[in-house]
Amino acid sequence: MWLAHLNWRWATPEHVAIARDLLDRHGIRVVSLAGSFGETPSDLEAACRLANALDVDLLGGMGDVLRSHRADAEAVLRAHGVRFGYENHPEQTPQEVLELIGEADDVLGAAVDTGWWATQGYDPVQAIRDLQSRLFYVHLKDVEAPGTHDTCMHGDGVAEIAACVDELLEIGYLGPLSIEHEPYDRDPVPECIRMRELIETRLAATGVGHHG
């Protein structure tokens, strides 16, 4: 669930109740909250409380709290039983992500965004390989060209999504996957549906089941 829809900064118990009712009504299980989780331990704690209220145990996104208060962030995450997968955006190498998340592999890991690795000119397949021991989440996104972040249908860009999926299968990844696509000139839903069908077909052919 994207934080633009329900955000720890403003969500009230009534908002949470409405969200839970809608999710239950449509048979949707949220596997992650996605977005930015603030600059301070108290910001992160508010995000964790929202995750707890939705029965979600994973945050996937960014948060400057890891840059300035990582030890406190680890304590907050453990207290709430929530993991934080840091999503690469400005980072240009997986080593930068590993340095940021430190050694607390029980609560801090990586949320690989294939599109952002491609934007930064780093091979997304290699990024998955480099981060496999800390991989909490994967966002499958394609972009038209390095140096830009214009998203496109899987296979039409440079992120080599099929090869990314093959690498995930090779390393035995069984965590959540999400499909991301955010064009500014059209409704992405039909393409997202098609991309999900392609991914599910590929996974089904291998006998591996995923959620997300």
N, C-alpha and C. Protein backbone atom coordinates (compact mmCIF):
# COMPACT_ATOMS: atom_id res chain seq x y z
N MET A 1 0.84 -1.18 0.00
CA MET A 1 0.00 0.00 0.00
C MET A 1 0.89 1.25 0.00
N TRP A 2 0.64 2.11 -0.96
CA TRP A 2 1.41 3.35 -1.07
C TRP A 2 0.94 4.33 -0.01
N LEU A 3 1.89 5.06 0.58
CA LEU A 3 1.56 5.99 1.65
C LEU A 3 0.74 7.18 1.17
N ALA A 4 0.67 7.40 -0.13
CA ALA A 4 -0.24 8.43 -0.63
C ALA A 4 -1.69 8.05 -0.36
N HIS A 5 -1.96 6.76 -0.21
CA HIS A 5 -3.32 6.31 0.07
C HIS A 5 -3.63 6.29 1.57
N LEU A 6 -2.65 5.95 2.37
CA LEU A 6 -2.83 5.93 3.82
C LEU A 6 -1.46 6.17 4.44
N ASN A 7 -1.32 7.33 5.06
CA ASN A 7 0.01 7.77 5.49
C ASN A 7 0.10 7.85 7.01
N TRP A 8 1.22 7.41 7.54
CA TRP A 8 1.44 7.43 8.98
C TRP A 8 1.44 8.86 9.54
N ARG A 9 1.63 9.86 8.69
CA ARG A 9 1.65 11.24 9.17
C ARG A 9 0.25 11.74 9.55
N TRP A 10 -0.79 11.17 8.91
CA TRP A 10 -2.13 11.72 9.15
C TRP A 10 -3.22 10.67 9.40
N ALA A 11 -2.91 9.42 9.26
CA ALA A 11 -3.94 8.39 9.40
C ALA A 11 -4.50 8.35 10.82
N THR A 12 -5.81 8.38 10.93
CA THR A 12 -6.51 8.26 12.20
C THR A 12 -7.06 6.84 12.33
N PRO A 13 -7.49 6.45 13.53
CA PRO A 13 -8.12 5.13 13.66
C PRO A 13 -9.29 4.95 12.70
N GLU A 14 -10.03 6.02 12.42
CA GLU A 14 -11.13 5.92 11.46
C GLU A 14 -10.62 5.62 10.06
N HIS A 15 -9.53 6.29 9.64
CA HIS A 15 -8.94 6.00 8.34
C HIS A 15 -8.53 4.53 8.25
N VAL A 16 -7.89 4.04 9.32
CA VAL A 16 -7.44 2.65 9.33
C VAL A 16 -8.61 1.70 9.23
N ALA A 17 -9.68 1.99 9.96
CA ALA A 17 -10.87 1.13 9.93
C ALA A 17 -11.48 1.10 8.53
N ILE A 18 -11.54 2.25 7.86
CA ILE A 18 -12.06 2.30 6.50
C ILE A 18 -11.18 1.47 5.57
N ALA A 19 -9.85 1.64 5.71
CA ALA A 19 -8.93 0.89 4.86
C ALA A 19 -9.07 -0.60 5.07
N ARG A 20 -9.16 -1.03 6.33
CA ARG A 20 -9.28 -2.46 6.60
C ARG A 20 -10.58 -3.02 6.04
N ASP A 21 -11.66 -2.25 6.15
CA ASP A 21 -12.94 -2.70 5.60
C ASP A 21 -12.86 -2.87 4.09
N LEU A 22 -12.26 -1.89 3.41
CA LEU A 22 -12.15 -1.98 1.95
C LEU A 22 -11.25 -3.13 1.52
N LEU A 23 -10.15 -3.32 2.23
CA LEU A 23 -9.25 -4.42 1.91
C LEU A 23 -9.94 -5.76 2.09
N ASP A 24 -10.65 -5.91 3.21
CA ASP A 24 -11.37 -7.16 3.46
C ASP A 24 -12.45 -7.40 2.42
N ARG A 25 -13.15 -6.33 2.06
CA ARG A 25 -14.24 -6.46 1.11
C ARG A 25 -13.75 -6.94 -0.26
N HIS A 26 -12.53 -6.52 -0.62
CA HIS A 26 -11.99 -6.90 -1.93
C HIS A 26 -11.01 -8.07 -1.86
N GLY A 27 -10.85 -8.64 -0.68
CA GLY A 27 -9.97 -9.78 -0.54
C GLY A 27 -8.50 -9.47 -0.81
N ILE A 28 -8.06 -8.29 -0.38
CA ILE A 28 -6.69 -7.86 -0.63
C ILE A 28 -5.89 -7.94 0.66
N ARG A 29 -4.73 -8.57 0.59
CA ARG A 29 -3.81 -8.59 1.73
C ARG A 29 -2.61 -7.71 1.41
N VAL A 30 -2.34 -6.76 2.27
CA VAL A 30 -1.22 -5.85 2.09
C VAL A 30 0.05 -6.51 2.60
N VAL A 31 1.08 -6.59 1.75
CA VAL A 31 2.33 -7.21 2.18
C VAL A 31 3.37 -6.17 2.56
N SER A 32 3.15 -4.91 2.18
CA SER A 32 4.13 -3.88 2.50
C SER A 32 3.48 -2.51 2.46
N LEU A 33 3.98 -1.60 3.30
CA LEU A 33 3.70 -0.19 3.14
C LEU A 33 4.86 0.40 2.33
N ALA A 34 4.55 1.25 1.37
CA ALA A 34 5.58 1.77 0.46
C ALA A 34 5.60 3.29 0.48
N GLY A 35 6.80 3.83 0.64
CA GLY A 35 6.93 5.28 0.63
C GLY A 35 8.14 5.71 1.42
N SER A 36 8.04 6.86 2.08
CA SER A 36 9.12 7.38 2.90
C SER A 36 8.70 7.35 4.37
N PHE A 37 9.62 6.94 5.22
CA PHE A 37 9.27 6.70 6.62
C PHE A 37 9.94 7.66 7.59
N GLY A 38 10.29 8.83 7.07
CA GLY A 38 10.64 9.93 7.94
C GLY A 38 12.11 10.06 8.28
N GLU A 39 12.37 11.03 9.14
CA GLU A 39 13.73 11.41 9.48
C GLU A 39 14.11 11.07 10.91
N THR A 40 13.13 10.77 11.76
CA THR A 40 13.40 10.56 13.18
C THR A 40 12.85 9.22 13.64
N PRO A 41 13.33 8.71 14.78
CA PRO A 41 12.76 7.49 15.33
C PRO A 41 11.26 7.59 15.60
N SER A 42 10.79 8.77 16.00
CA SER A 42 9.35 8.92 16.25
C SER A 42 8.56 8.84 14.95
N ASP A 43 9.12 9.35 13.85
CA ASP A 43 8.48 9.18 12.54
C ASP A 43 8.36 7.70 12.21
N LEU A 44 9.46 6.98 12.35
CA LEU A 44 9.46 5.55 12.04
C LEU A 44 8.50 4.79 12.94
N GLU A 45 8.43 5.19 14.21
CA GLU A 45 7.51 4.52 15.12
C GLU A 45 6.06 4.70 14.68
N ALA A 46 5.73 5.90 14.20
CA ALA A 46 4.37 6.14 13.70
C ALA A 46 4.08 5.25 12.49
N ALA A 47 5.08 5.09 11.63
CA ALA A 47 4.91 4.20 10.47
C ALA A 47 4.72 2.76 10.92
N CYS A 48 5.47 2.35 11.92
CA CYS A 48 5.34 0.99 12.44
C CYS A 48 3.98 0.77 13.08
N ARG A 49 3.47 1.76 13.78
CA ARG A 49 2.14 1.62 14.38
C ARG A 49 1.07 1.45 13.31
N LEU A 50 1.21 2.19 12.21
CA LEU A 50 0.27 2.02 11.11
C LEU A 50 0.40 0.62 10.52
N ALA A 51 1.62 0.14 10.34
CA ALA A 51 1.82 -1.21 9.82
C ALA A 51 1.18 -2.24 10.75
N ASN A 52 1.39 -2.08 12.05
CA ASN A 52 0.78 -3.00 13.01
C ASN A 52 -0.74 -2.99 12.91
N ALA A 53 -1.32 -1.81 12.73
CA ALA A 53 -2.77 -1.69 12.65
C ALA A 53 -3.34 -2.37 11.42
N LEU A 54 -2.50 -2.53 10.40
CA LEU A 54 -2.93 -3.17 9.16
C LEU A 54 -2.43 -4.61 9.05
N ASP A 55 -1.81 -5.12 10.12
CA ASP A 55 -1.23 -6.46 10.12
C ASP A 55 -0.19 -6.63 9.02
N VAL A 56 0.64 -5.60 8.85
CA VAL A 56 1.71 -5.60 7.86
C VAL A 56 3.04 -5.61 8.61
N ASP A 57 3.96 -6.46 8.17
CA ASP A 57 5.23 -6.55 8.89
C ASP A 57 6.43 -6.07 8.07
N LEU A 58 6.16 -5.36 6.96
CA LEU A 58 7.25 -4.91 6.10
C LEU A 58 7.01 -3.50 5.61
N LEU A 59 8.04 -2.66 5.77
CA LEU A 59 8.08 -1.34 5.17
C LEU A 59 9.03 -1.41 3.99
N GLY A 60 8.62 -0.90 2.84
CA GLY A 60 9.49 -0.89 1.67
C GLY A 60 9.60 0.50 1.13
N GLY A 61 10.74 1.13 1.30
CA GLY A 61 10.89 2.50 0.82
C GLY A 61 12.14 3.13 1.37
N MET A 62 12.05 4.43 1.62
CA MET A 62 13.21 5.19 2.06
C MET A 62 12.96 5.81 3.42
N GLY A 63 13.98 6.44 3.97
CA GLY A 63 13.85 7.09 5.25
C GLY A 63 15.20 7.60 5.71
N ASP A 64 15.33 8.89 5.86
CA ASP A 64 16.59 9.46 6.33
C ASP A 64 16.90 9.07 7.76
N VAL A 65 15.92 8.51 8.46
CA VAL A 65 16.17 8.02 9.82
C VAL A 65 17.32 7.03 9.84
N LEU A 66 17.51 6.28 8.75
CA LEU A 66 18.61 5.31 8.72
C LEU A 66 19.96 6.01 8.63
N ARG A 67 19.99 7.21 8.09
CA ARG A 67 21.26 7.92 7.94
C ARG A 67 21.68 8.58 9.24
N SER A 68 20.73 8.96 10.07
CA SER A 68 21.06 9.73 11.26
C SER A 68 20.79 9.01 12.58
N HIS A 69 19.90 7.99 12.56
CA HIS A 69 19.52 7.32 13.81
C HIS A 69 19.35 5.81 13.58
N ARG A 70 20.32 5.18 12.95
CA ARG A 70 20.10 3.79 12.56
C ARG A 70 19.91 2.87 13.77
N ALA A 71 20.70 3.03 14.81
CA ALA A 71 20.56 2.17 15.99
C ALA A 71 19.18 2.33 16.61
N ASP A 72 18.70 3.57 16.72
CA ASP A 72 17.36 3.80 17.24
C ASP A 72 16.31 3.20 16.33
N ALA A 73 16.53 3.30 15.01
CA ALA A 73 15.59 2.71 14.06
C ALA A 73 15.50 1.21 14.23
N GLU A 74 16.63 0.56 14.43
CA GLU A 74 16.63 -0.88 14.64
C GLU A 74 15.81 -1.24 15.87
N ALA A 75 15.96 -0.47 16.95
CA ALA A 75 15.22 -0.74 18.18
C ALA A 75 13.72 -0.56 17.98
N VAL A 76 13.34 0.49 17.26
CA VAL A 76 11.92 0.74 16.98
C VAL A 76 11.33 -0.41 16.17
N LEU A 77 12.04 -0.83 15.14
CA LEU A 77 11.54 -1.91 14.29
C LEU A 77 11.37 -3.20 15.08
N ARG A 78 12.34 -3.53 15.91
CA ARG A 78 12.24 -4.76 16.71
C ARG A 78 11.08 -4.67 17.70
N ALA A 79 10.89 -3.51 18.30
CA ALA A 79 9.81 -3.35 19.29
C ALA A 79 8.45 -3.57 18.66
N HIS A 80 8.31 -3.26 17.38
CA HIS A 80 7.02 -3.38 16.70
C HIS A 80 6.91 -4.61 15.80
N GLY A 81 7.98 -5.42 15.74
CA GLY A 81 7.94 -6.60 14.91
C GLY A 81 7.81 -6.30 13.44
N VAL A 82 8.48 -5.25 12.99
CA VAL A 82 8.40 -4.79 11.59
C VAL A 82 9.80 -4.78 10.98
N ARG A 83 9.91 -5.16 9.73
CA ARG A 83 11.16 -5.08 8.98
C ARG A 83 11.10 -3.89 8.01
N PHE A 84 12.26 -3.37 7.69
CA PHE A 84 12.38 -2.21 6.80
C PHE A 84 13.30 -2.60 5.66
N GLY A 85 12.73 -2.68 4.44
CA GLY A 85 13.53 -2.90 3.25
C GLY A 85 13.82 -1.55 2.60
N TYR A 86 15.08 -1.13 2.63
CA TYR A 86 15.43 0.18 2.06
C TYR A 86 15.44 0.09 0.54
N GLU A 87 14.74 1.03 -0.09
CA GLU A 87 14.61 1.05 -1.56
C GLU A 87 15.62 2.00 -2.17
N ASN A 88 16.44 1.47 -3.06
CA ASN A 88 17.44 2.29 -3.74
C ASN A 88 16.79 3.33 -4.65
N HIS A 89 17.20 4.57 -4.46
CA HIS A 89 16.85 5.65 -5.40
C HIS A 89 18.12 6.41 -5.78
N PRO A 90 18.70 7.18 -4.86
CA PRO A 90 19.92 7.91 -5.26
C PRO A 90 21.15 7.03 -5.31
N GLU A 91 21.13 5.89 -4.61
CA GLU A 91 22.31 5.04 -4.53
C GLU A 91 22.71 4.52 -5.91
N GLN A 92 23.99 4.53 -6.19
CA GLN A 92 24.48 4.11 -7.49
C GLN A 92 25.10 2.72 -7.49
N THR A 93 25.34 2.17 -6.29
CA THR A 93 25.86 0.81 -6.20
C THR A 93 25.19 0.10 -5.02
N PRO A 94 25.09 -1.22 -5.09
CA PRO A 94 24.55 -1.97 -3.94
C PRO A 94 25.38 -1.77 -2.67
N GLN A 95 26.67 -1.54 -2.81
CA GLN A 95 27.50 -1.33 -1.63
C GLN A 95 27.01 -0.13 -0.83
N GLU A 96 26.53 0.90 -1.49
CA GLU A 96 25.98 2.05 -0.77
C GLU A 96 24.77 1.65 0.05
N VAL A 97 23.93 0.78 -0.50
CA VAL A 97 22.76 0.30 0.24
C VAL A 97 23.21 -0.52 1.45
N LEU A 98 24.18 -1.41 1.25
CA LEU A 98 24.65 -2.25 2.35
C LEU A 98 25.27 -1.41 3.46
N GLU A 99 26.00 -0.38 3.10
CA GLU A 99 26.59 0.51 4.11
C GLU A 99 25.51 1.24 4.90
N LEU A 100 24.42 1.59 4.22
CA LEU A 100 23.35 2.32 4.89
C LEU A 100 22.58 1.43 5.86
N ILE A 101 22.28 0.19 5.46
CA ILE A 101 21.44 -0.66 6.30
C ILE A 101 22.23 -1.38 7.39
N GLY A 102 23.54 -1.41 7.30
CA GLY A 102 24.33 -1.99 8.37
C GLY A 102 24.16 -3.50 8.50
N GLU A 103 24.42 -4.00 9.71
CA GLU A 103 24.48 -5.45 9.95
C GLU A 103 23.22 -6.05 10.53
N ALA A 104 22.23 -5.24 10.86
CA ALA A 104 21.02 -5.75 11.54
C ALA A 104 20.10 -6.44 10.55
N ASP A 105 20.48 -7.65 10.12
CA ASP A 105 19.75 -8.30 9.04
C ASP A 105 18.39 -8.85 9.46
N ASP A 106 18.08 -8.80 10.76
CA ASP A 106 16.75 -9.24 11.20
C ASP A 106 15.69 -8.18 10.91
N VAL A 107 16.09 -6.91 10.89
CA VAL A 107 15.10 -5.84 10.71
C VAL A 107 15.41 -4.90 9.56
N LEU A 108 16.64 -4.88 9.08
CA LEU A 108 17.00 -3.98 7.98
C LEU A 108 17.52 -4.78 6.79
N GLY A 109 16.93 -4.51 5.64
CA GLY A 109 17.33 -5.19 4.41
C GLY A 109 17.17 -4.28 3.22
N ALA A 110 17.14 -4.87 2.05
CA ALA A 110 17.05 -4.12 0.80
C ALA A 110 15.72 -4.40 0.10
N ALA A 111 15.14 -3.34 -0.45
CA ALA A 111 14.00 -3.46 -1.36
C ALA A 111 14.51 -3.04 -2.73
N VAL A 112 14.82 -4.01 -3.56
CA VAL A 112 15.40 -3.71 -4.87
C VAL A 112 14.36 -3.12 -5.80
N ASP A 113 14.64 -1.95 -6.34
CA ASP A 113 13.82 -1.34 -7.38
C ASP A 113 14.62 -1.46 -8.68
N THR A 114 14.20 -2.38 -9.54
CA THR A 114 14.96 -2.64 -10.76
C THR A 114 15.04 -1.41 -11.65
N GLY A 115 13.97 -0.63 -11.70
CA GLY A 115 13.95 0.56 -12.53
C GLY A 115 14.95 1.60 -12.09
N TRP A 116 15.06 1.78 -10.77
CA TRP A 116 16.01 2.78 -10.29
C TRP A 116 17.45 2.33 -10.48
N TRP A 117 17.71 1.01 -10.37
CA TRP A 117 19.07 0.56 -10.69
C TRP A 117 19.39 0.85 -12.15
N ALA A 118 18.43 0.58 -13.03
CA ALA A 118 18.66 0.87 -14.45
C ALA A 118 18.83 2.36 -14.70
N THR A 119 18.04 3.18 -14.02
CA THR A 119 18.19 4.63 -14.15
C THR A 119 19.60 5.07 -13.76
N GLN A 120 20.14 4.47 -12.70
CA GLN A 120 21.47 4.82 -12.24
C GLN A 120 22.58 4.18 -13.07
N GLY A 121 22.18 3.39 -14.07
CA GLY A 121 23.19 2.77 -14.93
C GLY A 121 23.83 1.54 -14.35
N TYR A 122 23.19 0.96 -13.31
CA TYR A 122 23.71 -0.26 -12.69
C TYR A 122 22.83 -1.43 -13.10
N ASP A 123 23.43 -2.54 -13.48
CA ASP A 123 22.69 -3.70 -13.95
C ASP A 123 21.77 -4.23 -12.85
N PRO A 124 20.44 -4.20 -13.03
CA PRO A 124 19.53 -4.68 -11.99
C PRO A 124 19.74 -6.15 -11.64
N VAL A 125 20.10 -6.97 -12.62
CA VAL A 125 20.35 -8.38 -12.33
C VAL A 125 21.54 -8.51 -11.38
N GLN A 126 22.58 -7.75 -11.63
CA GLN A 126 23.74 -7.79 -10.75
C GLN A 126 23.40 -7.25 -9.37
N ALA A 127 22.53 -6.24 -9.31
CA ALA A 127 22.11 -5.69 -8.02
C ALA A 127 21.39 -6.75 -7.19
N ILE A 128 20.52 -7.52 -7.82
CA ILE A 128 19.83 -8.61 -7.12
C ILE A 128 20.86 -9.61 -6.60
N ARG A 129 21.82 -9.94 -7.44
CA ARG A 129 22.87 -10.88 -7.04
C ARG A 129 23.67 -10.32 -5.86
N ASP A 130 24.03 -9.05 -5.93
CA ASP A 130 24.84 -8.43 -4.89
C ASP A 130 24.11 -8.33 -3.56
N LEU A 131 22.79 -8.16 -3.62
CA LEU A 131 22.01 -7.91 -2.40
C LEU A 131 21.21 -9.13 -1.95
N GLN A 132 21.44 -10.27 -2.54
CA GLN A 132 20.58 -11.43 -2.29
C GLN A 132 20.51 -11.83 -0.82
N SER A 133 21.59 -11.65 -0.07
CA SER A 133 21.57 -12.07 1.33
C SER A 133 20.77 -11.13 2.21
N ARG A 134 20.41 -9.95 1.69
CA ARG A 134 19.68 -8.95 2.49
C ARG A 134 18.36 -8.56 1.82
N LEU A 135 17.89 -9.38 0.90
CA LEU A 135 16.75 -9.00 0.07
C LEU A 135 15.43 -9.23 0.80
N PHE A 136 14.69 -8.15 1.05
CA PHE A 136 13.39 -8.21 1.70
C PHE A 136 12.23 -8.07 0.70
N TYR A 137 12.48 -7.38 -0.41
CA TYR A 137 11.37 -7.03 -1.29
C TYR A 137 11.95 -6.68 -2.67
N VAL A 138 11.14 -6.87 -3.71
CA VAL A 138 11.57 -6.52 -5.06
C VAL A 138 10.46 -5.77 -5.78
N HIS A 139 10.78 -4.61 -6.31
CA HIS A 139 9.88 -3.83 -7.15
C HIS A 139 10.32 -4.01 -8.59
N LEU A 140 9.50 -4.65 -9.40
CA LEU A 140 9.83 -4.89 -10.80
C LEU A 140 9.34 -3.72 -11.64
N LYS A 141 10.28 -2.93 -12.09
CA LYS A 141 9.96 -1.74 -12.88
C LYS A 141 10.94 -1.64 -14.04
N ASP A 142 10.45 -1.27 -15.21
CA ASP A 142 11.30 -1.05 -16.36
C ASP A 142 11.33 0.43 -16.70
N VAL A 143 12.44 0.91 -17.22
CA VAL A 143 12.58 2.31 -17.63
C VAL A 143 13.14 2.36 -19.05
N GLU A 144 12.86 3.45 -19.72
CA GLU A 144 13.20 3.53 -21.14
C GLU A 144 14.70 3.61 -21.41
N ALA A 145 15.44 4.29 -20.51
CA ALA A 145 16.87 4.48 -20.79
C ALA A 145 17.60 4.83 -19.50
N PRO A 146 18.89 4.48 -19.40
CA PRO A 146 19.69 4.93 -18.26
C PRO A 146 19.70 6.45 -18.18
N GLY A 147 19.75 6.95 -16.95
CA GLY A 147 19.79 8.39 -16.75
C GLY A 147 18.44 9.06 -16.74
N THR A 148 17.38 8.28 -17.06
CA THR A 148 16.01 8.80 -17.01
C THR A 148 15.18 7.87 -16.13
N HIS A 149 14.00 8.34 -15.78
CA HIS A 149 13.11 7.47 -15.01
C HIS A 149 11.71 7.48 -15.64
N ASP A 150 11.68 7.35 -16.97
CA ASP A 150 10.42 7.22 -17.69
C ASP A 150 10.10 5.73 -17.75
N THR A 151 9.05 5.33 -17.02
CA THR A 151 8.76 3.90 -16.92
C THR A 151 8.01 3.41 -18.15
N CYS A 152 8.08 2.10 -18.36
CA CYS A 152 7.49 1.50 -19.56
C CYS A 152 7.08 0.07 -19.27
N MET A 153 6.40 -0.52 -20.24
CA MET A 153 6.00 -1.92 -20.16
C MET A 153 7.26 -2.79 -20.01
N HIS A 154 7.15 -3.80 -19.14
CA HIS A 154 8.26 -4.73 -19.00
C HIS A 154 8.70 -5.26 -20.36
N GLY A 155 10.00 -5.20 -20.60
CA GLY A 155 10.54 -5.69 -21.86
C GLY A 155 10.76 -4.61 -22.89
N ASP A 156 10.15 -3.44 -22.69
CA ASP A 156 10.32 -2.34 -23.63
C ASP A 156 11.47 -1.42 -23.25
N GLY A 157 12.05 -1.65 -22.07
CA GLY A 157 13.10 -0.77 -21.59
C GLY A 157 14.42 -1.48 -21.40
N VAL A 158 15.21 -0.99 -20.44
CA VAL A 158 16.58 -1.47 -20.27
C VAL A 158 16.81 -2.24 -18.98
N ALA A 159 15.76 -2.47 -18.19
CA ALA A 159 15.95 -3.12 -16.89
C ALA A 159 16.01 -4.64 -16.97
N GLU A 160 15.74 -5.22 -18.14
CA GLU A 160 15.83 -6.66 -18.34
C GLU A 160 15.05 -7.43 -17.27
N ILE A 161 13.75 -7.15 -17.21
CA ILE A 161 12.91 -7.73 -16.17
C ILE A 161 12.89 -9.25 -16.23
N ALA A 162 12.83 -9.84 -17.43
CA ALA A 162 12.82 -11.30 -17.53
C ALA A 162 14.08 -11.89 -16.89
N ALA A 163 15.23 -11.26 -17.15
CA ALA A 163 16.47 -11.74 -16.55
C ALA A 163 16.48 -11.53 -15.05
N CYS A 164 15.85 -10.45 -14.58
CA CYS A 164 15.74 -10.22 -13.13
C CYS A 164 14.93 -11.33 -12.48
N VAL A 165 13.81 -11.70 -13.09
CA VAL A 165 12.98 -12.77 -12.54
C VAL A 165 13.76 -14.08 -12.54
N ASP A 166 14.47 -14.35 -13.62
CA ASP A 166 15.28 -15.57 -13.68
C ASP A 166 16.32 -15.59 -12.56
N GLU A 167 16.92 -14.43 -12.28
CA GLU A 167 17.93 -14.36 -11.22
C GLU A 167 17.28 -14.59 -9.85
N LEU A 168 16.09 -14.03 -9.64
CA LEU A 168 15.38 -14.24 -8.38
C LEU A 168 15.08 -15.72 -8.18
N LEU A 169 14.69 -16.38 -9.24
CA LEU A 169 14.44 -17.82 -9.16
C LEU A 169 15.74 -18.58 -8.89
N GLU A 170 16.80 -18.14 -9.51
CA GLU A 170 18.10 -18.81 -9.34
C GLU A 170 18.58 -18.73 -7.89
N ILE A 171 18.38 -17.59 -7.24
CA ILE A 171 18.87 -17.45 -5.86
C ILE A 171 17.86 -17.96 -4.85
N GLY A 172 16.69 -18.42 -5.31
CA GLY A 172 15.70 -18.98 -4.40
C GLY A 172 14.89 -17.95 -3.63
N TYR A 173 14.76 -16.76 -4.18
CA TYR A 173 13.98 -15.71 -3.51
C TYR A 173 12.51 -16.07 -3.47
N LEU A 174 11.90 -16.01 -2.28
CA LEU A 174 10.49 -16.34 -2.11
C LEU A 174 9.71 -15.21 -1.47
N GLY A 175 10.29 -14.02 -1.42
CA GLY A 175 9.62 -12.88 -0.82
C GLY A 175 8.65 -12.22 -1.78
N PRO A 176 8.07 -11.11 -1.35
CA PRO A 176 7.07 -10.43 -2.18
C PRO A 176 7.67 -9.74 -3.38
N LEU A 177 6.88 -9.67 -4.44
CA LEU A 177 7.20 -8.92 -5.66
C LEU A 177 6.09 -7.91 -5.89
N SER A 178 6.44 -6.76 -6.41
CA SER A 178 5.41 -5.82 -6.85
C SER A 178 5.77 -5.32 -8.23
N ILE A 179 4.74 -4.96 -8.99
CA ILE A 179 4.94 -4.40 -10.32
C ILE A 179 4.70 -2.90 -10.23
N GLU A 180 5.66 -2.12 -10.69
CA GLU A 180 5.56 -0.67 -10.64
C GLU A 180 5.62 -0.09 -12.05
N HIS A 181 4.76 0.87 -12.28
CA HIS A 181 4.72 1.54 -13.59
C HIS A 181 3.99 2.85 -13.38
N GLU A 182 4.65 3.95 -13.68
CA GLU A 182 4.05 5.26 -13.42
C GLU A 182 4.22 6.22 -14.58
N PRO A 183 3.61 5.92 -15.73
CA PRO A 183 3.66 6.86 -16.85
C PRO A 183 2.81 8.09 -16.56
N TYR A 184 3.15 9.18 -17.17
CA TYR A 184 2.42 10.42 -16.93
C TYR A 184 1.43 10.73 -18.05
N ASP A 185 1.40 9.93 -19.10
CA ASP A 185 0.56 10.26 -20.25
C ASP A 185 -0.58 9.28 -20.49
N ARG A 186 -0.76 8.29 -19.58
CA ARG A 186 -1.81 7.30 -19.79
C ARG A 186 -2.08 6.56 -18.50
N ASP A 187 -3.22 5.89 -18.45
CA ASP A 187 -3.58 5.05 -17.32
C ASP A 187 -2.71 3.79 -17.37
N PRO A 188 -1.93 3.49 -16.33
CA PRO A 188 -1.04 2.33 -16.38
C PRO A 188 -1.72 1.00 -16.09
N VAL A 189 -2.98 1.02 -15.65
CA VAL A 189 -3.61 -0.20 -15.17
C VAL A 189 -3.60 -1.33 -16.20
N PRO A 190 -4.03 -1.11 -17.46
CA PRO A 190 -4.01 -2.23 -18.41
C PRO A 190 -2.62 -2.85 -18.58
N GLU A 191 -1.59 -2.01 -18.63
CA GLU A 191 -0.25 -2.53 -18.79
C GLU A 191 0.20 -3.25 -17.52
N CYS A 192 -0.18 -2.74 -16.36
CA CYS A 192 0.18 -3.42 -15.10
C CYS A 192 -0.46 -4.80 -15.03
N ILE A 193 -1.71 -4.89 -15.47
CA ILE A 193 -2.39 -6.19 -15.48
C ILE A 193 -1.65 -7.16 -16.39
N ARG A 194 -1.27 -6.69 -17.57
CA ARG A 194 -0.55 -7.54 -18.51
C ARG A 194 0.80 -7.96 -17.94
N MET A 195 1.50 -7.03 -17.31
CA MET A 195 2.80 -7.36 -16.73
C MET A 195 2.67 -8.39 -15.61
N ARG A 196 1.64 -8.23 -14.79
CA ARG A 196 1.42 -9.22 -13.73
C ARG A 196 1.14 -10.59 -14.33
N GLU A 197 0.33 -10.65 -15.37
CA GLU A 197 0.04 -11.93 -16.02
C GLU A 197 1.32 -12.59 -16.53
N LEU A 198 2.19 -11.79 -17.13
CA LEU A 198 3.44 -12.33 -17.65
C LEU A 198 4.32 -12.88 -16.54
N ILE A 199 4.41 -12.14 -15.43
CA ILE A 199 5.22 -12.59 -14.30
C ILE A 199 4.63 -13.85 -13.69
N GLU A 200 3.32 -13.86 -13.50
CA GLU A 200 2.69 -15.04 -12.90
C GLU A 200 2.85 -16.27 -13.80
N THR A 201 2.76 -16.07 -15.11
CA THR A 201 2.97 -17.19 -16.03
C THR A 201 4.38 -17.73 -15.91
N ARG A 202 5.35 -16.82 -15.82
CA ARG A 202 6.76 -17.25 -15.69
C ARG A 202 6.96 -18.01 -14.38
N LEU A 203 6.40 -17.52 -13.28
CA LEU A 203 6.56 -18.19 -12.00
C LEU A 203 5.83 -19.54 -11.98
N ALA A 204 4.64 -19.56 -12.56
CA ALA A 204 3.88 -20.80 -12.59
C ALA A 204 4.62 -21.89 -13.36
N ALA A 205 5.33 -21.48 -14.40
CA ALA A 205 6.05 -22.45 -15.23
C ALA A 205 7.18 -23.11 -14.45
N THR A 206 7.63 -22.42 -13.39
CA THR A 206 8.72 -22.97 -12.58
C THR A 206 8.21 -23.68 -11.33
N GLY A 207 6.90 -23.57 -11.08
CA GLY A 207 6.32 -24.18 -9.90
C GLY A 207 6.55 -23.38 -8.64
N VAL A 208 7.00 -22.12 -8.79
CA VAL A 208 7.25 -21.26 -7.64
C VAL A 208 6.09 -20.32 -7.45
N GLY A 209 5.59 -20.19 -6.24
CA GLY A 209 4.50 -19.26 -5.96
C GLY A 209 5.02 -18.05 -5.21
N HIS A 210 4.52 -16.89 -5.59
CA HIS A 210 4.88 -15.64 -4.91
C HIS A 210 3.60 -14.91 -4.53
N HIS A 211 3.78 -13.89 -3.71
CA HIS A 211 2.67 -12.99 -3.39
C HIS A 211 3.17 -11.57 -3.47
N GLY A 212 2.23 -10.65 -3.65
CA GLY A 212 2.64 -9.24 -3.69
C GLY A 212 1.96 -8.54 -4.83
